[in-house]
Amino acid sequence: MKPEYDLANMKSRPNPYAKKLKQPVTLPLRIDVIEYFEAKAQEKGISYQELINLYLQDCVVSKRELSF
């Protein structure tokens, strides 16, 4: 490795965009909703929180309208 690529002496700095990526929230969800996403998440090998986030992001991107 070239000396100018030596990262051992590099000073780290926080990512200025990290706070804009995700924001923790408290959201009351029904038990059956949580159980559904937990089961689906286990099939996919990811956390149910991440699966819920991915589903909601898909709703945003596709501009899905809610039906009541």
Protein backbone atom coordinates (compact mmCIF):
# COMPACT_ATOMS: atom_id res chain seq x y z
CA MET A 1 0.00 0.00 0.00
CA LYS A 2 1.27 3.45 -0.84
CA PRO A 3 2.16 5.69 2.14
CA GLU A 4 -0.35 8.33 1.06
CA TYR A 5 -3.12 5.73 1.38
CA ASP A 6 -2.28 4.92 5.01
CA LEU A 7 -5.56 5.42 6.88
CA ALA A 8 -4.10 4.62 10.31
CA ASN A 9 -3.37 8.30 10.96
CA MET A 10 -6.60 9.60 9.46
CA LYS A 11 -8.79 11.63 11.79
CA SER A 12 -12.38 10.45 11.79
CA ARG A 13 -15.27 12.86 11.66
CA PRO A 14 -18.97 12.28 12.11
CA ASN A 15 -21.19 11.88 9.08
CA PRO A 16 -23.11 15.18 8.72
CA TYR A 17 -26.02 13.36 7.04
CA ALA A 18 -26.41 10.57 9.60
CA LYS A 19 -29.13 12.36 11.56
CA LYS A 20 -31.17 12.83 8.39
CA LEU A 21 -31.16 9.14 7.52
CA LYS A 22 -33.44 7.80 10.26
CA GLN A 23 -35.32 9.20 13.20
CA PRO A 24 -36.43 7.00 16.09
CA VAL A 25 -40.15 7.14 16.84
CA THR A 26 -42.54 5.43 19.20
CA LEU A 27 -45.47 4.00 17.30
CA PRO A 28 -48.27 2.01 18.90
CA LEU A 29 -49.00 -0.99 16.66
CA ARG A 30 -51.54 -3.75 17.05
CA ILE A 31 -50.17 -7.11 18.19
CA ASP A 32 -51.32 -8.86 14.99
CA VAL A 33 -49.46 -6.29 12.86
CA ILE A 34 -46.24 -6.84 14.81
CA GLU A 35 -46.63 -10.63 14.63
CA TYR A 36 -47.20 -10.46 10.86
CA PHE A 37 -44.07 -8.39 10.26
CA GLU A 38 -42.02 -10.50 12.68
CA ALA A 39 -42.96 -13.66 10.76
CA LYS A 40 -42.19 -12.09 7.38
CA ALA A 41 -38.93 -10.64 8.68
CA GLN A 42 -37.81 -14.01 10.01
CA GLU A 43 -38.45 -15.52 6.55
CA LYS A 44 -36.27 -12.82 4.97
CA GLY A 45 -33.61 -12.86 7.70
CA ILE A 46 -33.94 -9.20 8.70
CA SER A 47 -35.39 -7.39 11.71
CA TYR A 48 -39.10 -6.65 11.74
CA GLN A 49 -38.35 -2.96 12.34
CA GLU A 50 -36.29 -2.86 9.15
CA LEU A 51 -39.04 -4.69 7.25
CA ILE A 52 -41.66 -2.20 8.45
CA ASN A 53 -39.35 0.64 7.42
CA LEU A 54 -38.86 -0.91 3.96
CA TYR A 55 -42.61 -1.37 3.53
CA LEU A 56 -43.37 2.21 4.51
CA GLN A 57 -40.58 3.48 2.24
CA ASP A 58 -42.16 1.51 -0.62
CA CYS A 59 -45.48 3.21 0.15
CA VAL A 60 -43.78 6.62 -0.05
CA VAL A 61 -41.97 5.87 -3.31
CA SER A 62 -45.04 4.40 -5.02
CA LYS A 63 -47.32 7.10 -3.55
CA ARG A 64 -49.70 4.40 -2.33
CA GLU A 65 -53.05 5.76 -1.15
CA LEU A 66 -54.66 4.38 1.98
CA SER A 67 -58.10 2.83 1.85
CA PHE A 68 -60.24 2.92 4.98
